[in-house]
PDB file of N, CA and C in Angstrom:
ATOM      1  N   MET A   1     110.590-100.422 125.065  1.00  0.00           N
ATOM      2  CA  MET A   1     109.262 -99.824 125.233  1.00  0.00           C
ATOM      3  C   MET A   1     108.615-100.278 126.553  1.00  0.00           C
ATOM      4  N   SER A   2     109.070 -99.701 127.659  1.00  0.00           N
ATOM      5  CA  SER A   2     108.584-100.045 128.871  1.00  0.00           C
ATOM      6  C   SER A   2     108.058 -99.023 129.819  1.00  0.00           C
ATOM      7  N   GLN A   3     108.026 -97.790 129.184  1.00  0.00           N
ATOM      8  CA  GLN A   3     107.601 -96.714 130.095  1.00  0.00           C
ATOM      9  C   GLN A   3     106.008 -96.509 130.155  1.00  0.00           C
ATOM     10  N   VAL A   4     105.572 -95.884 131.208  1.00  0.00           N
ATOM     11  CA  VAL A   4     104.196 -95.694 131.390  1.00  0.00           C
ATOM     12  C   VAL A   4     104.034 -94.164 131.259  1.00  0.00           C
ATOM     13  N   PHE A   5     103.151 -93.814 130.455  1.00  0.00           N
ATOM     14  CA  PHE A   5     102.730 -92.442 130.228  1.00  0.00           C
ATOM     15  C   PHE A   5     101.628 -92.012 131.165  1.00  0.00           C
ATOM     16  N   ILE A   6     101.870 -91.018 132.015  1.00  0.00           N
ATOM     17  CA  ILE A   6     100.701 -90.432 132.844  1.00  0.00           C
ATOM     18  C   ILE A   6     100.095 -89.250 132.400  1.00  0.00           C
ATOM     19  N   SER A   7      98.786 -89.405 132.170  1.00  0.00           N
ATOM     20  CA  SER A   7      98.018 -88.331 131.565  1.00  0.00           C
ATOM     21  C   SER A   7      97.176 -87.777 132.639  1.00  0.00           C
ATOM     22  N   TYR A   8      97.105 -86.485 132.883  1.00  0.00           N
ATOM     23  CA  TYR A   8      96.348 -85.976 134.084  1.00  0.00           C
ATOM     24  C   TYR A   8      96.087 -84.501 133.875  1.00  0.00           C
ATOM     25  N   SER A   9      95.145 -83.964 134.692  1.00  0.00           N
ATOM     26  CA  SER A   9      94.852 -82.612 134.619  1.00  0.00           C
ATOM     27  C   SER A   9      95.818 -81.918 135.515  1.00  0.00           C
ATOM     28  N   SER A  10      96.123 -80.641 135.281  1.00  0.00           N
ATOM     29  CA  SER A  10      97.183 -79.980 136.222  1.00  0.00           C
ATOM     30  C   SER A  10      96.671 -79.862 137.635  1.00  0.00           C
ATOM     31  N   GLY A  11      95.218 -79.867 137.771  1.00  0.00           N
ATOM     32  CA  GLY A  11      94.711 -79.834 139.072  1.00  0.00           C
ATOM     33  C   GLY A  11      95.008 -81.184 139.893  1.00  0.00           C
ATOM     34  N   ASP A  12      95.297 -82.217 139.167  1.00  0.00           N
ATOM     35  CA  ASP A  12      95.720 -83.432 139.658  1.00  0.00           C
ATOM     36  C   ASP A  12      97.202 -83.746 139.830  1.00  0.00           C
ATOM     37  N   ARG A  13      97.935 -82.679 139.726  1.00  0.00           N
ATOM     38  CA  ARG A  13      99.427 -82.766 139.671  1.00  0.00           C
ATOM     39  C   ARG A  13      99.921 -83.503 141.042  1.00  0.00           C
ATOM     40  N   ASN A  14      99.462 -83.249 142.182  1.00  0.00           N
ATOM     41  CA  ASN A  14      99.970 -83.895 143.287  1.00  0.00           C
ATOM     42  C   ASN A  14      99.850 -85.386 143.164  1.00  0.00           C
ATOM     43  N   TRP A  15      98.762 -85.892 142.722  1.00  0.00           N
ATOM     44  CA  TRP A  15      98.364 -87.343 142.488  1.00  0.00           C
ATOM     45  C   TRP A  15      99.352 -87.945 141.535  1.00  0.00           C
ATOM     46  N   ALA A  16      99.540 -87.118 140.487  1.00  0.00           N
ATOM     47  CA  ALA A  16     100.477 -87.641 139.386  1.00  0.00           C
ATOM     48  C   ALA A  16     101.849 -87.599 139.825  1.00  0.00           C
ATOM     49  N   GLU A  17     102.232 -86.831 140.687  1.00  0.00           N
ATOM     50  CA  GLU A  17     103.643 -86.676 141.280  1.00  0.00           C
ATOM     51  C   GLU A  17     103.856 -87.954 142.110  1.00  0.00           C
ATOM     52  N   THR A  18     102.883 -88.196 142.945  1.00  0.00           N
ATOM     53  CA  THR A  18     102.946 -89.240 143.941  1.00  0.00           C
ATOM     54  C   THR A  18     102.880 -90.580 143.195  1.00  0.00           C
ATOM     55  N   LEU A  19     102.052 -90.695 142.225  1.00  0.00           N
ATOM     56  CA  LEU A  19     102.093 -91.908 141.308  1.00  0.00           C
ATOM     57  C   LEU A  19     103.420 -92.090 140.615  1.00  0.00           C
ATOM     58  N   GLU A  20     103.886 -91.011 140.010  1.00  0.00           N
ATOM     59  CA  GLU A  20     105.313 -91.330 139.299  1.00  0.00           C
ATOM     60  C   GLU A  20     106.381 -91.692 140.285  1.00  0.00           C
ATOM     61  N   ASP A  21     106.417 -91.123 141.451  1.00  0.00           N
ATOM     62  CA  ASP A  21     107.217 -91.444 142.514  1.00  0.00           C
ATOM     63  C   ASP A  21     107.229 -92.943 142.913  1.00  0.00           C
ATOM     64  N   LYS A  22     106.035 -93.485 143.081  1.00  0.00           N
ATOM     65  CA  LYS A  22     105.840 -94.806 143.602  1.00  0.00           C
ATOM     66  C   LYS A  22     106.202 -95.721 142.323  1.00  0.00           C
ATOM     67  N   LEU A  23     105.896 -95.475 141.037  1.00  0.00           N
ATOM     68  CA  LEU A  23     106.229 -96.284 140.005  1.00  0.00           C
ATOM     69  C   LEU A  23     107.718 -96.274 139.778  1.00  0.00           C
ATOM     70  N   CYS A  24     108.388 -95.108 139.826  1.00  0.00           N
ATOM     71  CA  CYS A  24     109.764 -95.135 139.623  1.00  0.00           C
ATOM     72  C   CYS A  24     110.533 -95.953 140.756  1.00  0.00           C
ATOM     73  N   ARG A  25     109.978 -95.884 142.059  1.00  0.00           N
ATOM     74  CA  ARG A  25     110.531 -96.694 143.193  1.00  0.00           C
ATOM     75  C   ARG A  25     110.411 -98.074 142.827  1.00  0.00           C
ATOM     76  N   ALA A  26     109.400 -98.410 142.101  1.00  0.00           N
ATOM     77  CA  ALA A  26     109.157 -99.851 141.775  1.00  0.00           C
ATOM     78  C   ALA A  26     109.945-100.306 140.525  1.00  0.00           C
ATOM     79  N   GLY A  27     110.695 -99.400 139.995  1.00  0.00           N
ATOM     80  CA  GLY A  27     111.642 -99.695 138.845  1.00  0.00           C
ATOM     81  C   GLY A  27     110.983 -99.534 137.516  1.00  0.00           C
ATOM     82  N   ILE A  28     109.764 -98.855 137.382  1.00  0.00           N
ATOM     83  CA  ILE A  28     109.180 -98.602 136.235  1.00  0.00           C
ATOM     84  C   ILE A  28     109.461 -97.165 135.727  1.00  0.00           C
ATOM     85  N   GLU A  29     109.828 -97.149 134.459  1.00  0.00           N
ATOM     86  CA  GLU A  29     110.109 -95.809 133.812  1.00  0.00           C
ATOM     87  C   GLU A  29     108.845 -95.200 133.489  1.00  0.00           C
ATOM     88  N   VAL A  30     108.722 -93.844 133.775  1.00  0.00           N
ATOM     89  CA  VAL A  30     107.508 -93.025 133.784  1.00  0.00           C
ATOM     90  C   VAL A  30     107.861 -91.876 132.819  1.00  0.00           C
ATOM     91  N   TYR A  31     106.782 -91.437 132.116  1.00  0.00           N
ATOM     92  CA  TYR A  31     106.820 -90.239 131.395  1.00  0.00           C
ATOM     93  C   TYR A  31     105.701 -89.491 131.904  1.00  0.00           C
ATOM     94  N   ARG A  32     106.017 -88.282 132.588  1.00  0.00           N
ATOM     95  CA  ARG A  32     105.017 -87.276 132.955  1.00  0.00           C
ATOM     96  C   ARG A  32     105.457 -86.007 132.396  1.00  0.00           C
ATOM     97  N   ASP A  33     104.549 -85.206 131.790  1.00  0.00           N
ATOM     98  CA  ASP A  33     104.962 -84.005 131.045  1.00  0.00           C
ATOM     99  C   ASP A  33     105.747 -83.031 131.890  1.00  0.00           C
ATOM    100  N   LYS A  34     105.436 -82.823 133.048  1.00  0.00           N
ATOM    101  CA  LYS A  34     106.082 -81.816 133.989  1.00  0.00           C
ATOM    102  C   LYS A  34     107.597 -82.204 134.236  1.00  0.00           C
ATOM    103  N   SER A  35     107.792 -83.567 134.390  1.00  0.00           N
ATOM    104  CA  SER A  35     109.146 -83.812 134.654  1.00  0.00           C
ATOM    105  C   SER A  35     109.897 -84.237 133.383  1.00  0.00           C
ATOM    106  N   ARG A  36     109.440 -84.264 132.150  1.00  0.00           N
ATOM    107  CA  ARG A  36     110.051 -84.749 131.103  1.00  0.00           C
ATOM    108  C   ARG A  36     110.026 -83.732 129.871  1.00  0.00           C
ATOM    109  N   LEU A  37     109.055 -82.894 129.660  1.00  0.00           N
ATOM    110  CA  LEU A  37     109.040 -81.993 128.688  1.00  0.00           C
ATOM    111  C   LEU A  37     110.161 -80.986 128.635  1.00  0.00           C
ATOM    112  N   THR A  38     110.619 -80.680 127.499  1.00  0.00           N
ATOM    113  CA  THR A  38     111.670 -79.612 127.316  1.00  0.00           C
ATOM    114  C   THR A  38     111.257 -78.522 126.377  1.00  0.00           C
ATOM    115  N   VAL A  39     111.866 -77.338 126.572  1.00  0.00           N
ATOM    116  CA  VAL A  39     111.458 -76.266 125.674  1.00  0.00           C
ATOM    117  C   VAL A  39     112.153 -76.351 124.382  1.00  0.00           C
ATOM    118  N   ALA A  40     113.047 -77.162 124.286  1.00  0.00           N
ATOM    119  CA  ALA A  40     113.913 -77.295 122.941  1.00  0.00           C
ATOM    120  C   ALA A  40     113.109 -77.785 121.746  1.00  0.00           C
ATOM    121  N   ASN A  41     112.113 -78.520 122.014  1.00  0.00           N
ATOM    122  CA  ASN A  41     111.246 -79.095 120.947  1.00  0.00           C
ATOM    123  C   ASN A  41     109.745 -78.888 121.088  1.00  0.00           C
ATOM    124  N   PRO A  42     108.952 -78.819 120.046  1.00  0.00           N
ATOM    125  CA  PRO A  42     107.541 -78.480 120.211  1.00  0.00           C
ATOM    126  C   PRO A  42     106.915 -79.580 121.091  1.00  0.00           C
ATOM    127  N   PHE A  43     106.074 -79.155 121.955  1.00  0.00           N
ATOM    128  CA  PHE A  43     105.386 -79.950 123.123  1.00  0.00           C
ATOM    129  C   PHE A  43     104.516 -81.068 122.416  1.00  0.00           C
ATOM    130  N   LYS A  44     103.736 -80.904 121.408  1.00  0.00           N
ATOM    131  CA  LYS A  44     102.938 -81.842 120.813  1.00  0.00           C
ATOM    132  C   LYS A  44     103.743 -83.087 120.222  1.00  0.00           C
ATOM    133  N   GLU A  45     104.829 -82.699 119.592  1.00  0.00           N
ATOM    134  CA  GLU A  45     105.845 -83.770 119.042  1.00  0.00           C
ATOM    135  C   GLU A  45     106.410 -84.444 120.182  1.00  0.00           C
ATOM    136  N   GLN A  46     106.789 -83.870 121.307  1.00  0.00           N
ATOM    137  CA  GLN A  46     107.370 -84.581 122.428  1.00  0.00           C
ATOM    138  C   GLN A  46     106.337 -85.568 123.100  1.00  0.00           C
ATOM    139  N   LEU A  47     105.128 -85.035 123.146  1.00  0.00           N
ATOM    140  CA  LEU A  47     104.022 -85.861 123.778  1.00  0.00           C
ATOM    141  C   LEU A  47     103.705 -87.085 122.909  1.00  0.00           C
ATOM    142  N   GLN A  48     103.526 -86.850 121.603  1.00  0.00           N
ATOM    143  CA  GLN A  48     103.329 -87.944 120.733  1.00  0.00           C
ATOM    144  C   GLN A  48     104.518 -88.922 120.546  1.00  0.00           C
ATOM    145  N   GLY A  49     105.762 -88.559 120.671  1.00  0.00           N
ATOM    146  CA  GLY A  49     106.834 -89.360 120.727  1.00  0.00           C
ATOM    147  C   GLY A  49     106.740 -90.222 122.029  1.00  0.00           C
ATOM    148  N   ALA A  50     106.394 -89.614 123.198  1.00  0.00           N
ATOM    149  CA  ALA A  50     106.361 -90.341 124.430  1.00  0.00           C
ATOM    150  C   ALA A  50     105.204 -91.395 124.361  1.00  0.00           C
ATOM    151  N   LEU A  51     104.104 -90.924 123.850  1.00  0.00           N
ATOM    152  CA  LEU A  51     103.008 -91.886 123.670  1.00  0.00           C
ATOM    153  C   LEU A  51     103.274 -93.023 122.853  1.00  0.00           C
ATOM    154  N   ARG A  52     104.082 -92.900 121.720  1.00  0.00           N
ATOM    155  CA  ARG A  52     104.458 -94.025 120.832  1.00  0.00           C
ATOM    156  C   ARG A  52     105.387 -94.900 121.581  1.00  0.00           C
ATOM    157  N   MET A  53     106.340 -94.407 122.408  1.00  0.00           N
ATOM    158  CA  MET A  53     107.244 -95.166 123.062  1.00  0.00           C
ATOM    159  C   MET A  53     106.883 -95.936 124.292  1.00  0.00           C
ATOM    160  N   SER A  54     105.557 -95.391 124.855  1.00  0.00           N
ATOM    161  CA  SER A  54     105.165 -96.070 126.137  1.00  0.00           C
ATOM    162  C   SER A  54     104.352 -97.331 125.875  1.00  0.00           C
ATOM    163  N   SER A  55     104.457 -98.145 126.830  1.00  0.00           N
ATOM    164  CA  SER A  55     103.759 -99.542 126.643  1.00  0.00           C
ATOM    165  C   SER A  55     102.505 -99.478 127.505  1.00  0.00           C
ATOM    166  N   ALA A  56     102.109 -98.396 128.219  1.00  0.00           N
ATOM    167  CA  ALA A  56     100.936 -98.217 128.818  1.00  0.00           C
ATOM    168  C   ALA A  56     100.567 -96.734 129.091  1.00  0.00           C
ATOM    169  N   LEU A  57      99.329 -96.437 128.937  1.00  0.00           N
ATOM    170  CA  LEU A  57      98.767 -95.102 129.208  1.00  0.00           C
ATOM    171  C   LEU A  57      97.912 -95.217 130.429  1.00  0.00           C
ATOM    172  N   LEU A  58      98.422 -94.248 131.391  1.00  0.00           N
ATOM    173  CA  LEU A  58      97.631 -94.224 132.679  1.00  0.00           C
ATOM    174  C   LEU A  58      97.067 -92.863 132.868  1.00  0.00           C
ATOM    175  N   THR A  59      95.687 -92.784 132.615  1.00  0.00           N
ATOM    176  CA  THR A  59      95.094 -91.533 132.811  1.00  0.00           C
ATOM    177  C   THR A  59      94.326 -91.395 134.122  1.00  0.00           C
ATOM    178  N   LEU A  60      94.713 -90.294 134.766  1.00  0.00           N
ATOM    179  CA  LEU A  60      93.867 -89.968 136.059  1.00  0.00           C
ATOM    180  C   LEU A  60      92.621 -89.299 135.788  1.00  0.00           C
ATOM    181  N   TRP A  61      91.535 -90.026 135.813  1.00  0.00           N
ATOM    182  CA  TRP A  61      90.179 -89.714 135.408  1.00  0.00           C
ATOM    183  C   TRP A  61      89.339 -89.107 136.655  1.00  0.00           C
ATOM    184  N   SER A  62      89.619 -87.825 136.762  1.00  0.00           N
ATOM    185  CA  SER A  62      88.941 -87.098 137.877  1.00  0.00           C
ATOM    186  C   SER A  62      87.977 -86.110 137.265  1.00  0.00           C
ATOM    187  N   GLU A  63      87.096 -85.453 137.975  1.00  0.00           N
ATOM    188  CA  GLU A  63      86.231 -84.505 137.499  1.00  0.00           C
ATOM    189  C   GLU A  63      86.891 -83.338 136.902  1.00  0.00           C
ATOM    190  N   ARG A  64      88.215 -83.061 137.179  1.00  0.00           N
ATOM    191  CA  ARG A  64      88.944 -81.982 136.600  1.00  0.00           C
ATOM    192  C   ARG A  64      89.328 -82.166 135.201  1.00  0.00           C
ATOM    193  N   VAL A  65      89.112 -83.443 134.591  1.00  0.00           N
ATOM    194  CA  VAL A  65      89.279 -83.639 133.194  1.00  0.00           C
ATOM    195  C   VAL A  65      88.049 -83.348 132.399  1.00  0.00           C
ATOM    196  N   ARG A  66      86.993 -82.891 132.968  1.00  0.00           N
ATOM    197  CA  ARG A  66      85.746 -82.452 132.264  1.00  0.00           C
ATOM    198  C   ARG A  66      85.726 -80.975 132.110  1.00  0.00           C
ATOM    199  N   ASN A  67      84.979 -80.502 131.059  1.00  0.00           N
ATOM    200  CA  ASN A  67      84.718 -79.164 130.834  1.00  0.00           C
ATOM    201  C   ASN A  67      83.538 -78.657 131.532  1.00  0.00           C
ATOM    202  N   GLU A  68      83.132 -77.403 131.425  1.00  0.00           N
ATOM    203  CA  GLU A  68      81.957 -76.946 132.098  1.00  0.00           C
ATOM    204  C   GLU A  68      80.646 -77.669 131.662  1.00  0.00           C
ATOM    205  N   GLN A  69      80.637 -78.200 130.565  1.00  0.00           N
ATOM    206  CA  GLN A  69      79.466 -78.883 130.014  1.00  0.00           C
ATOM    207  C   GLN A  69      79.504 -80.348 130.345  1.00  0.00           C
ATOM    208  N   GLY A  70      80.468 -80.734 131.153  1.00  0.00           N
ATOM    209  CA  GLY A  70      80.573 -82.128 131.688  1.00  0.00           C
ATOM    210  C   GLY A  70      81.247 -83.217 130.674  1.00  0.00           C
ATOM    211  N   GLN A  71      81.770 -82.640 129.525  1.00  0.00           N
ATOM    212  CA  GLN A  71      82.365 -83.440 128.541  1.00  0.00           C
ATOM    213  C   GLN A  71      83.873 -83.599 128.849  1.00  0.00           C
ATOM    214  N   TRP A  72      84.406 -84.667 128.462  1.00  0.00           N
ATOM    215  CA  TRP A  72      85.799 -84.925 128.666  1.00  0.00           C
ATOM    216  C   TRP A  72      86.524 -83.782 127.921  1.00  0.00           C
ATOM    217  N   LYS A  73      87.648 -83.250 128.365  1.00  0.00           N
ATOM    218  CA  LYS A  73      88.450 -82.289 127.664  1.00  0.00           C
ATOM    219  C   LYS A  73      89.182 -82.929 126.538  1.00  0.00           C
ATOM    220  N   GLU A  74      89.366 -82.068 125.531  1.00  0.00           N
ATOM    221  CA  GLU A  74      89.960 -82.571 124.143  1.00  0.00           C
ATOM    222  C   GLU A  74      91.258 -83.322 124.419  1.00  0.00           C
ATOM    223  N   TRP A  75      92.152 -82.818 125.281  1.00  0.00           N
ATOM    224  CA  TRP A  75      93.500 -83.442 125.435  1.00  0.00           C
ATOM    225  C   TRP A  75      93.368 -84.855 125.926  1.00  0.00           C
ATOM    226  N   VAL A  76      92.392 -85.126 126.668  1.00  0.00           N
ATOM    227  CA  VAL A  76      92.150 -86.442 127.296  1.00  0.00           C
ATOM    228  C   VAL A  76      91.875 -87.377 126.172  1.00  0.00           C
ATOM    229  N   ILE A  77      90.996 -86.953 125.420  1.00  0.00           N
ATOM    230  CA  ILE A  77      90.523 -87.871 124.308  1.00  0.00           C
ATOM    231  C   ILE A  77      91.596 -87.987 123.224  1.00  0.00           C
ATOM    232  N   SER A  78      92.299 -86.905 122.940  1.00  0.00           N
ATOM    233  CA  SER A  78      93.440 -86.919 121.841  1.00  0.00           C
ATOM    234  C   SER A  78      94.530 -87.876 122.343  1.00  0.00           C
ATOM    235  N   GLU A  79      94.991 -87.789 123.602  1.00  0.00           N
ATOM    236  CA  GLU A  79      96.045 -88.546 124.030  1.00  0.00           C
ATOM    237  C   GLU A  79      95.662 -90.063 124.015  1.00  0.00           C
ATOM    238  N   ARG A  80      94.393 -90.198 124.537  1.00  0.00           N
ATOM    239  CA  ARG A  80      93.912 -91.728 124.504  1.00  0.00           C
ATOM    240  C   ARG A  80      93.895 -92.286 123.024  1.00  0.00           C
ATOM    241  N   GLU A  81      93.303 -91.483 122.151  1.00  0.00           N
ATOM    242  CA  GLU A  81      93.242 -91.972 120.751  1.00  0.00           C
ATOM    243  C   GLU A  81      94.628 -91.989 119.983  1.00  0.00           C
ATOM    244  N   TYR A  82      95.511 -91.116 120.314  1.00  0.00           N
ATOM    245  CA  TYR A  82      96.695 -91.269 119.719  1.00  0.00           C
ATOM    246  C   TYR A  82      97.438 -92.476 120.206  1.00  0.00           C
ATOM    247  N   PHE A  83      97.355 -92.692 121.550  1.00  0.00           N
ATOM    248  CA  PHE A  83      97.992 -93.999 122.084  1.00  0.00           C
ATOM    249  C   PHE A  83      97.316 -95.243 121.448  1.00  0.00           C
ATOM    250  N   ARG A  84      96.109 -95.255 121.355  1.00  0.00           N
ATOM    251  CA  ARG A  84      95.392 -96.482 120.733  1.00  0.00           C
ATOM    252  C   ARG A  84      95.823 -96.577 119.278  1.00  0.00           C
ATOM    253  N   ALA A  85      95.991 -95.522 118.423  1.00  0.00           N
ATOM    254  CA  ALA A  85      96.408 -95.625 117.066  1.00  0.00           C
ATOM    255  C   ALA A  85      97.854 -96.101 116.894  1.00  0.00           C
ATOM    256  N   GLN A  86      98.538 -95.897 117.869  1.00  0.00           N
ATOM    257  CA  GLN A  86     100.119 -96.213 117.907  1.00  0.00           C
ATOM    258  C   GLN A  86     100.303 -97.785 118.307  1.00  0.00           C
ATOM    259  N   HIS A  87      99.208 -98.196 119.232  1.00  0.00           N
ATOM    260  CA  HIS A  87      99.321 -99.475 119.798  1.00  0.00           C
ATOM    261  C   HIS A  87      97.962-100.195 119.381  1.00  0.00           C
ATOM    262  N   LEU A  88      97.982-100.899 118.223  1.00  0.00           N
ATOM    263  CA  LEU A  88      96.880-101.535 117.650  1.00  0.00           C
ATOM    264  C   LEU A  88      96.242-102.589 118.648  1.00  0.00           C
ATOM    265  N   TRP A  89      97.110-103.178 119.497  1.00  0.00           N
ATOM    266  CA  TRP A  89      96.566-104.155 120.401  1.00  0.00           C
ATOM    267  C   TRP A  89      95.802-103.672 121.507  1.00  0.00           C
ATOM    268  N   VAL A  90      95.686-102.298 121.690  1.00  0.00           N
ATOM    269  CA  VAL A  90      94.940-101.682 122.783  1.00  0.00           C
ATOM    270  C   VAL A  90      93.423-101.427 122.320  1.00  0.00           C
ATOM    271  N   ARG A  91      92.549-101.971 122.940  1.00  0.00           N
ATOM    272  CA  ARG A  91      91.110-101.664 122.567  1.00  0.00           C
ATOM    273  C   ARG A  91      90.202-101.701 123.847  1.00  0.00           C
TER     274      ARG A  91
END
């Protein structure tokens, strides 16, 4: 369990790709949906499995992850909470 899960808005894809590249060059295994999701299995199951197997969750917190009312988008909260539930040491 040594991979880093990168959570981001599609509008921040360039940042996420750059970050993934730099982490991989440093020898860190990375899970980013666009480079790892497959159509063979349900996306939610794949994401949850990756969150369980990751030792760190790195979320790109930009204004793009807010909705029109300024609240965090549901996927940001659900990924964070799922990660926390799977890793009780995270608080």
